[in-house]
Amino acid sequence: MLAKLTSKNQITLPKSVTNAVGAVEYFEVQAKDGQIILTPVRIQRADSVRAKLAELDLAEQDIADAVAWARQSKRRSK
């Protein structure tokens, strides 16, 4: 099967290929030995939350402090 690269670097994958891998929105892309390798990736919402938390470099104590603060605020508003 052929897929054409557009002037905007876009490729439309053939329907038979997308049917074979199932419903997926994202692909990991690698170039290896002159070939382009697409690997389907199913992103879970929890994965994106974990990634964001890792980015923030929070310690367990930061979380404990935030929870304590939130619980304290609730008591004051009652």
PDB file of N, CA and C in Angstrom:
ATOM      1  N   MET A   1       0.834  -1.176   0.000  1.00  0.00           N
ATOM      2  CA  MET A   1       0.000   0.000   0.000  1.00  0.00           C
ATOM      3  C   MET A   1       0.885   1.249   0.000  1.00  0.00           C
ATOM      4  N   LEU A   2       0.399   2.268  -0.641  1.00  0.00           N
ATOM      5  CA  LEU A   2       1.121   3.533  -0.674  1.00  0.00           C
ATOM      6  C   LEU A   2       0.387   4.586   0.149  1.00  0.00           C
ATOM      7  N   ALA A   3       1.170   5.453   0.767  1.00  0.00           N
ATOM      8  CA  ALA A   3       0.625   6.603   1.470  1.00  0.00           C
ATOM      9  C   ALA A   3       1.447   7.803   1.025  1.00  0.00           C
ATOM     10  N   LYS A   4       0.787   8.889   0.656  1.00  0.00           N
ATOM     11  CA  LYS A   4       1.473  10.066   0.138  1.00  0.00           C
ATOM     12  C   LYS A   4       1.743  11.067   1.258  1.00  0.00           C
ATOM     13  N   LEU A   5       2.946  11.611   1.275  1.00  0.00           N
ATOM     14  CA  LEU A   5       3.322  12.666   2.215  1.00  0.00           C
ATOM     15  C   LEU A   5       2.926  14.000   1.587  1.00  0.00           C
ATOM     16  N   THR A   6       2.124  14.794   2.295  1.00  0.00           N
ATOM     17  CA  THR A   6       1.685  16.073   1.753  1.00  0.00           C
ATOM     18  C   THR A   6       2.746  17.146   1.994  1.00  0.00           C
ATOM     19  N   SER A   7       2.512  18.325   1.432  1.00  0.00           N
ATOM     20  CA  SER A   7       3.444  19.443   1.607  1.00  0.00           C
ATOM     21  C   SER A   7       3.504  19.895   3.075  1.00  0.00           C
ATOM     22  N   LYS A   8       2.502  19.516   3.866  1.00  0.00           N
ATOM     23  CA  LYS A   8       2.474  19.868   5.290  1.00  0.00           C
ATOM     24  C   LYS A   8       2.961  18.710   6.165  1.00  0.00           C
ATOM     25  N   ASN A   9       3.683  17.769   5.566  1.00  0.00           N
ATOM     26  CA  ASN A   9       4.226  16.594   6.269  1.00  0.00           C
ATOM     27  C   ASN A   9       3.145  15.726   6.917  1.00  0.00           C
ATOM     28  N   GLN A  10       2.026  15.584   6.251  1.00  0.00           N
ATOM     29  CA  GLN A  10       0.943  14.752   6.759  1.00  0.00           C
ATOM     30  C   GLN A  10       0.795  13.514   5.886  1.00  0.00           C
ATOM     31  N   ILE A  11       0.431  12.400   6.522  1.00  0.00           N
ATOM     32  CA  ILE A  11       0.195  11.145   5.813  1.00  0.00           C
ATOM     33  C   ILE A  11      -1.165  10.618   6.246  1.00  0.00           C
ATOM     34  N   THR A  12      -1.956  10.159   5.288  1.00  0.00           N
ATOM     35  CA  THR A  12      -3.213   9.488   5.603  1.00  0.00           C
ATOM     36  C   THR A  12      -2.943   7.996   5.545  1.00  0.00           C
ATOM     37  N   LEU A  13      -3.233   7.332   6.650  1.00  0.00           N
ATOM     38  CA  LEU A  13      -3.008   5.890   6.696  1.00  0.00           C
ATOM     39  C   LEU A  13      -4.177   5.166   6.021  1.00  0.00           C
ATOM     40  N   PRO A  14      -3.869   4.117   5.274  1.00  0.00           N
ATOM     41  CA  PRO A  14      -4.950   3.342   4.641  1.00  0.00           C
ATOM     42  C   PRO A  14      -5.901   2.754   5.684  1.00  0.00           C
ATOM     43  N   LYS A  15      -7.169   2.695   5.357  1.00  0.00           N
ATOM     44  CA  LYS A  15      -8.212   2.197   6.261  1.00  0.00           C
ATOM     45  C   LYS A  15      -7.902   0.792   6.752  1.00  0.00           C
ATOM     46  N   SER A  16      -7.378  -0.058   5.876  1.00  0.00           N
ATOM     47  CA  SER A  16      -7.077  -1.434   6.284  1.00  0.00           C
ATOM     48  C   SER A  16      -6.003  -1.470   7.373  1.00  0.00           C
ATOM     49  N   VAL A  17      -5.087  -0.507   7.363  1.00  0.00           N
ATOM     50  CA  VAL A  17      -4.041  -0.438   8.390  1.00  0.00           C
ATOM     51  C   VAL A  17      -4.636   0.021   9.711  1.00  0.00           C
ATOM     52  N   THR A  18      -5.451   1.066   9.676  1.00  0.00           N
ATOM     53  CA  THR A  18      -6.052   1.563  10.917  1.00  0.00           C
ATOM     54  C   THR A  18      -7.031   0.545  11.502  1.00  0.00           C
ATOM     55  N   ASN A  19      -7.723  -0.195  10.651  1.00  0.00           N
ATOM     56  CA  ASN A  19      -8.618  -1.250  11.147  1.00  0.00           C
ATOM     57  C   ASN A  19      -7.821  -2.349  11.840  1.00  0.00           C
ATOM     58  N   ALA A  20      -6.632  -2.630  11.331  1.00  0.00           N
ATOM     59  CA  ALA A  20      -5.804  -3.696  11.897  1.00  0.00           C
ATOM     60  C   ALA A  20      -5.284  -3.348  13.291  1.00  0.00           C
ATOM     61  N   VAL A  21      -5.041  -2.067  13.563  1.00  0.00           N
ATOM     62  CA  VAL A  21      -4.512  -1.680  14.881  1.00  0.00           C
ATOM     63  C   VAL A  21      -5.606  -1.254  15.851  1.00  0.00           C
ATOM     64  N   GLY A  22      -6.804  -1.057  15.375  1.00  0.00           N
ATOM     65  CA  GLY A  22      -7.905  -0.672  16.249  1.00  0.00           C
ATOM     66  C   GLY A  22      -7.995   0.834  16.413  1.00  0.00           C
ATOM     67  N   ALA A  23      -8.942   1.236  17.240  1.00  0.00           N
ATOM     68  CA  ALA A  23      -9.202   2.662  17.449  1.00  0.00           C
ATOM     69  C   ALA A  23      -8.075   3.269  18.284  1.00  0.00           C
ATOM     70  N   VAL A  24      -7.257   4.074  17.647  1.00  0.00           N
ATOM     71  CA  VAL A  24      -6.141   4.718  18.329  1.00  0.00           C
ATOM     72  C   VAL A  24      -5.953   6.103  17.740  1.00  0.00           C
ATOM     73  N   GLU A  25      -5.641   7.079  18.593  1.00  0.00           N
ATOM     74  CA  GLU A  25      -5.454   8.460  18.144  1.00  0.00           C
ATOM     75  C   GLU A  25      -3.987   8.834  17.998  1.00  0.00           C
ATOM     76  N   TYR A  26      -3.138   8.217  18.815  1.00  0.00           N
ATOM     77  CA  TYR A  26      -1.734   8.612  18.856  1.00  0.00           C
ATOM     78  C   TYR A  26      -0.814   7.454  18.472  1.00  0.00           C
ATOM     79  N   PHE A  27       0.300   7.819  17.872  1.00  0.00           N
ATOM     80  CA  PHE A  27       1.327   6.855  17.493  1.00  0.00           C
ATOM     81  C   PHE A  27       2.676   7.350  17.969  1.00  0.00           C
ATOM     82  N   GLU A  28       3.487   6.451  18.498  1.00  0.00           N
ATOM     83  CA  GLU A  28       4.884   6.771  18.758  1.00  0.00           C
ATOM     84  C   GLU A  28       5.578   6.651  17.410  1.00  0.00           C
ATOM     85  N   VAL A  29       6.418   7.622  17.074  1.00  0.00           N
ATOM     86  CA  VAL A  29       7.073   7.640  15.774  1.00  0.00           C
ATOM     87  C   VAL A  29       8.569   7.490  15.957  1.00  0.00           C
ATOM     88  N   GLN A  30       9.162   6.546  15.208  1.00  0.00           N
ATOM     89  CA  GLN A  30      10.602   6.330  15.236  1.00  0.00           C
ATOM     90  C   GLN A  30      11.123   6.224  13.808  1.00  0.00           C
ATOM     91  N   ALA A  31      12.347   6.687  13.615  1.00  0.00           N
ATOM     92  CA  ALA A  31      13.039   6.470  12.340  1.00  0.00           C
ATOM     93  C   ALA A  31      14.176   5.507  12.636  1.00  0.00           C
ATOM     94  N   LYS A  32      14.211   4.376  11.903  1.00  0.00           N
ATOM     95  CA  LYS A  32      15.225   3.360  12.154  1.00  0.00           C
ATOM     96  C   LYS A  32      15.630   2.727  10.827  1.00  0.00           C
ATOM     97  N   ASP A  33      16.911   2.800  10.546  1.00  0.00           N
ATOM     98  CA  ASP A  33      17.452   2.195   9.314  1.00  0.00           C
ATOM     99  C   ASP A  33      16.692   2.634   8.065  1.00  0.00           C
ATOM    100  N   GLY A  34      16.364   3.929   8.001  1.00  0.00           N
ATOM    101  CA  GLY A  34      15.684   4.466   6.818  1.00  0.00           C
ATOM    102  C   GLY A  34      14.193   4.166   6.765  1.00  0.00           C
ATOM    103  N   GLN A  35      13.650   3.600   7.828  1.00  0.00           N
ATOM    104  CA  GLN A  35      12.218   3.306   7.861  1.00  0.00           C
ATOM    105  C   GLN A  35      11.549   4.149   8.941  1.00  0.00           C
ATOM    106  N   ILE A  36      10.287   4.451   8.725  1.00  0.00           N
ATOM    107  CA  ILE A  36       9.476   5.144   9.725  1.00  0.00           C
ATOM    108  C   ILE A  36       8.601   4.092  10.385  1.00  0.00           C
ATOM    109  N   ILE A  37       8.693   4.015  11.713  1.00  0.00           N
ATOM    110  CA  ILE A  37       7.937   3.018  12.468  1.00  0.00           C
ATOM    111  C   ILE A  37       6.892   3.730  13.316  1.00  0.00           C
ATOM    112  N   LEU A  38       5.632   3.366  13.117  1.00  0.00           N
ATOM    113  CA  LEU A  38       4.524   3.921  13.895  1.00  0.00           C
ATOM    114  C   LEU A  38       4.031   2.838  14.845  1.00  0.00           C
ATOM    115  N   THR A  39       4.000   3.154  16.134  1.00  0.00           N
ATOM    116  CA  THR A  39       3.507   2.218  17.130  1.00  0.00           C
ATOM    117  C   THR A  39       2.293   2.841  17.813  1.00  0.00           C
ATOM    118  N   PRO A  40       1.135   2.179  17.758  1.00  0.00           N
ATOM    119  CA  PRO A  40      -0.059   2.732  18.395  1.00  0.00           C
ATOM    120  C   PRO A  40       0.152   2.929  19.888  1.00  0.00           C
ATOM    121  N   VAL A  41      -0.326   4.058  20.403  1.00  0.00           N
ATOM    122  CA  VAL A  41      -0.224   4.365  21.828  1.00  0.00           C
ATOM    123  C   VAL A  41      -1.618   4.722  22.319  1.00  0.00           C
ATOM    124  N   ARG A  42      -2.035   4.043  23.362  1.00  0.00           N
ATOM    125  CA  ARG A  42      -3.317   4.356  23.981  1.00  0.00           C
ATOM    126  C   ARG A  42      -3.031   5.146  25.253  1.00  0.00           C
ATOM    127  N   ILE A  43      -3.296   6.421  25.202  1.00  0.00           N
ATOM    128  CA  ILE A  43      -3.016   7.298  26.330  1.00  0.00           C
ATOM    129  C   ILE A  43      -4.164   7.227  27.320  1.00  0.00           C
ATOM    130  N   GLN A  44      -3.829   6.906  28.542  1.00  0.00           N
ATOM    131  CA  GLN A  44      -4.810   6.851  29.613  1.00  0.00           C
ATOM    132  C   GLN A  44      -4.795   8.197  30.324  1.00  0.00           C
ATOM    133  N   ARG A  45      -5.922   8.637  30.775  1.00  0.00           N
ATOM    134  CA  ARG A  45      -6.004   9.911  31.487  1.00  0.00           C
ATOM    135  C   ARG A  45      -5.079   9.903  32.707  1.00  0.00           C
ATOM    136  N   ALA A  46      -5.017   8.780  33.386  1.00  0.00           N
ATOM    137  CA  ALA A  46      -4.160   8.672  34.571  1.00  0.00           C
ATOM    138  C   ALA A  46      -2.697   8.857  34.188  1.00  0.00           C
ATOM    139  N   ASP A  47      -2.305   8.377  32.998  1.00  0.00           N
ATOM    140  CA  ASP A  47      -0.928   8.541  32.547  1.00  0.00           C
ATOM    141  C   ASP A  47      -0.570  10.011  32.396  1.00  0.00           C
ATOM    142  N   SER A  48      -1.488  10.804  31.872  1.00  0.00           N
ATOM    143  CA  SER A  48      -1.200  12.221  31.695  1.00  0.00           C
ATOM    144  C   SER A  48      -1.121  12.938  33.047  1.00  0.00           C
ATOM    145  N   VAL A  49      -1.932  12.492  34.010  1.00  0.00           N
ATOM    146  CA  VAL A  49      -1.866  13.078  35.359  1.00  0.00           C
ATOM    147  C   VAL A  49      -0.530  12.730  36.002  1.00  0.00           C
ATOM    148  N   ARG A  50      -0.118  11.453  35.883  1.00  0.00           N
ATOM    149  CA  ARG A  50       1.176  11.043  36.438  1.00  0.00           C
ATOM    150  C   ARG A  50       2.316  11.836  35.812  1.00  0.00           C
ATOM    151  N   ALA A  51       2.255  12.030  34.507  1.00  0.00           N
ATOM    152  CA  ALA A  51       3.307  12.775  33.802  1.00  0.00           C
ATOM    153  C   ALA A  51       3.371  14.218  34.303  1.00  0.00           C
ATOM    154  N   LYS A  52       2.210  14.842  34.494  1.00  0.00           N
ATOM    155  CA  LYS A  52       2.167  16.219  34.986  1.00  0.00           C
ATOM    156  C   LYS A  52       2.730  16.299  36.402  1.00  0.00           C
ATOM    157  N   LEU A  53       2.376  15.341  37.254  1.00  0.00           N
ATOM    158  CA  LEU A  53       2.902  15.326  38.618  1.00  0.00           C
ATOM    159  C   LEU A  53       4.416  15.135  38.620  1.00  0.00           C
ATOM    160  N   ALA A  54       4.912  14.290  37.726  1.00  0.00           N
ATOM    161  CA  ALA A  54       6.363  14.084  37.625  1.00  0.00           C
ATOM    162  C   ALA A  54       7.050  15.372  37.194  1.00  0.00           C
ATOM    163  N   GLU A  55       6.414  16.088  36.267  1.00  0.00           N
ATOM    164  CA  GLU A  55       6.938  17.378  35.795  1.00  0.00           C
ATOM    165  C   GLU A  55       7.062  18.376  36.943  1.00  0.00           C
ATOM    166  N   LEU A  56       6.081  18.373  37.835  1.00  0.00           N
ATOM    167  CA  LEU A  56       6.052  19.320  38.949  1.00  0.00           C
ATOM    168  C   LEU A  56       7.064  18.970  40.041  1.00  0.00           C
ATOM    169  N   ASP A  57       7.581  17.751  40.002  1.00  0.00           N
ATOM    170  CA  ASP A  57       8.595  17.293  40.963  1.00  0.00           C
ATOM    171  C   ASP A  57       8.128  17.492  42.401  1.00  0.00           C
ATOM    172  N   LEU A  58       6.897  17.025  42.682  1.00  0.00           N
ATOM    173  CA  LEU A  58       6.327  17.154  44.015  1.00  0.00           C
ATOM    174  C   LEU A  58       6.813  16.030  44.925  1.00  0.00           C
ATOM    175  N   ALA A  59       7.056  16.356  46.172  1.00  0.00           N
ATOM    176  CA  ALA A  59       7.418  15.360  47.170  1.00  0.00           C
ATOM    177  C   ALA A  59       6.150  14.924  47.903  1.00  0.00           C
ATOM    178  N   GLU A  60       6.224  13.789  48.582  1.00  0.00           N
ATOM    179  CA  GLU A  60       5.059  13.307  49.338  1.00  0.00           C
ATOM    180  C   GLU A  60       4.601  14.346  50.358  1.00  0.00           C
ATOM    181  N   GLN A  61       5.541  15.048  50.960  1.00  0.00           N
ATOM    182  CA  GLN A  61       5.197  16.057  51.963  1.00  0.00           C
ATOM    183  C   GLN A  61       4.412  17.213  51.332  1.00  0.00           C
ATOM    184  N   ASP A  62       4.732  17.561  50.084  1.00  0.00           N
ATOM    185  CA  ASP A  62       3.982  18.613  49.384  1.00  0.00           C
ATOM    186  C   ASP A  62       2.514  18.225  49.256  1.00  0.00           C
ATOM    187  N   ILE A  63       2.273  16.964  48.922  1.00  0.00           N
ATOM    188  CA  ILE A  63       0.897  16.468  48.769  1.00  0.00           C
ATOM    189  C   ILE A  63       0.196  16.480  50.127  1.00  0.00           C
ATOM    190  N   ALA A  64       0.877  15.983  51.155  1.00  0.00           N
ATOM    191  CA  ALA A  64       0.293  15.962  52.505  1.00  0.00           C
ATOM    192  C   ALA A  64      -0.058  17.370  52.964  1.00  0.00           C
ATOM    193  N   ASP A  65       0.831  18.321  52.705  1.00  0.00           N
ATOM    194  CA  ASP A  65       0.567  19.712  53.079  1.00  0.00           C
ATOM    195  C   ASP A  65      -0.643  20.271  52.333  1.00  0.00           C
ATOM    196  N   ALA A  66      -0.751  19.952  51.049  1.00  0.00           N
ATOM    197  CA  ALA A  66      -1.869  20.445  50.238  1.00  0.00           C
ATOM    198  C   ALA A  66      -3.190  19.856  50.719  1.00  0.00           C
ATOM    199  N   VAL A  67      -3.191  18.566  51.058  1.00  0.00           N
ATOM    200  CA  VAL A  67      -4.408  17.922  51.557  1.00  0.00           C
ATOM    201  C   VAL A  67      -4.804  18.530  52.897  1.00  0.00           C
ATOM    202  N   ALA A  68      -3.831  18.729  53.778  1.00  0.00           N
ATOM    203  CA  ALA A  68      -4.115  19.335  55.089  1.00  0.00           C
ATOM    204  C   ALA A  68      -4.683  20.735  54.917  1.00  0.00           C
ATOM    205  N   TRP A  69      -4.115  21.496  54.006  1.00  0.00           N
ATOM    206  CA  TRP A  69      -4.602  22.853  53.733  1.00  0.00           C
ATOM    207  C   TRP A  69      -6.042  22.817  53.215  1.00  0.00           C
ATOM    208  N   ALA A  70      -6.320  21.909  52.285  1.00  0.00           N
ATOM    209  CA  ALA A  70      -7.666  21.819  51.707  1.00  0.00           C
ATOM    210  C   ALA A  70      -8.690  21.416  52.763  1.00  0.00           C
ATOM    211  N   ARG A  71      -8.315  20.496  53.604  1.00  0.00           N
ATOM    212  CA  ARG A  71      -9.240  20.063  54.669  1.00  0.00           C
ATOM    213  C   ARG A  71      -9.486  21.185  55.675  1.00  0.00           C
ATOM    214  N   GLN A  72      -8.492  21.957  55.957  1.00  0.00           N
ATOM    215  CA  GLN A  72      -8.616  23.082  56.872  1.00  0.00           C
ATOM    216  C   GLN A  72      -9.537  24.145  56.283  1.00  0.00           C
ATOM    217  N   SER A  73      -9.430  24.418  55.007  1.00  0.00           N
ATOM    218  CA  SER A  73     -10.273  25.410  54.336  1.00  0.00           C
ATOM    219  C   SER A  73     -11.727  25.010  54.375  1.00  0.00           C
ATOM    220  N   LYS A  74     -12.021  23.721  54.231  1.00  0.00           N
ATOM    221  CA  LYS A  74     -13.405  23.238  54.254  1.00  0.00           C
ATOM    222  C   LYS A  74     -14.035  23.487  55.626  1.00  0.00           C
ATOM    223  N   ARG A  75     -13.268  23.239  56.664  1.00  0.00           N
ATOM    224  CA  ARG A  75     -13.809  23.418  58.018  1.00  0.00           C
ATOM    225  C   ARG A  75     -14.154  24.882  58.276  1.00  0.00           C
ATOM    226  N   ARG A  76     -13.348  25.775  57.756  1.00  0.00           N
ATOM    227  CA  ARG A  76     -13.590  27.207  57.976  1.00  0.00           C
ATOM    228  C   ARG A  76     -14.843  27.691  57.268  1.00  0.00           C
ATOM    229  N   SER A  77     -15.150  27.123  56.094  1.00  0.00           N
ATOM    230  CA  SER A  77     -16.280  27.618  55.299  1.00  0.00           C
ATOM    231  C   SER A  77     -17.624  27.105  55.802  1.00  0.00           C
ATOM    232  N   LYS A  78     -17.635  26.124  56.691  1.00  0.00           N
ATOM    233  CA  LYS A  78     -18.907  25.561  57.188  1.00  0.00           C
ATOM    234  C   LYS A  78     -19.549  26.436  58.219  1.00  0.00           C
TER     235      LYS A  78
END
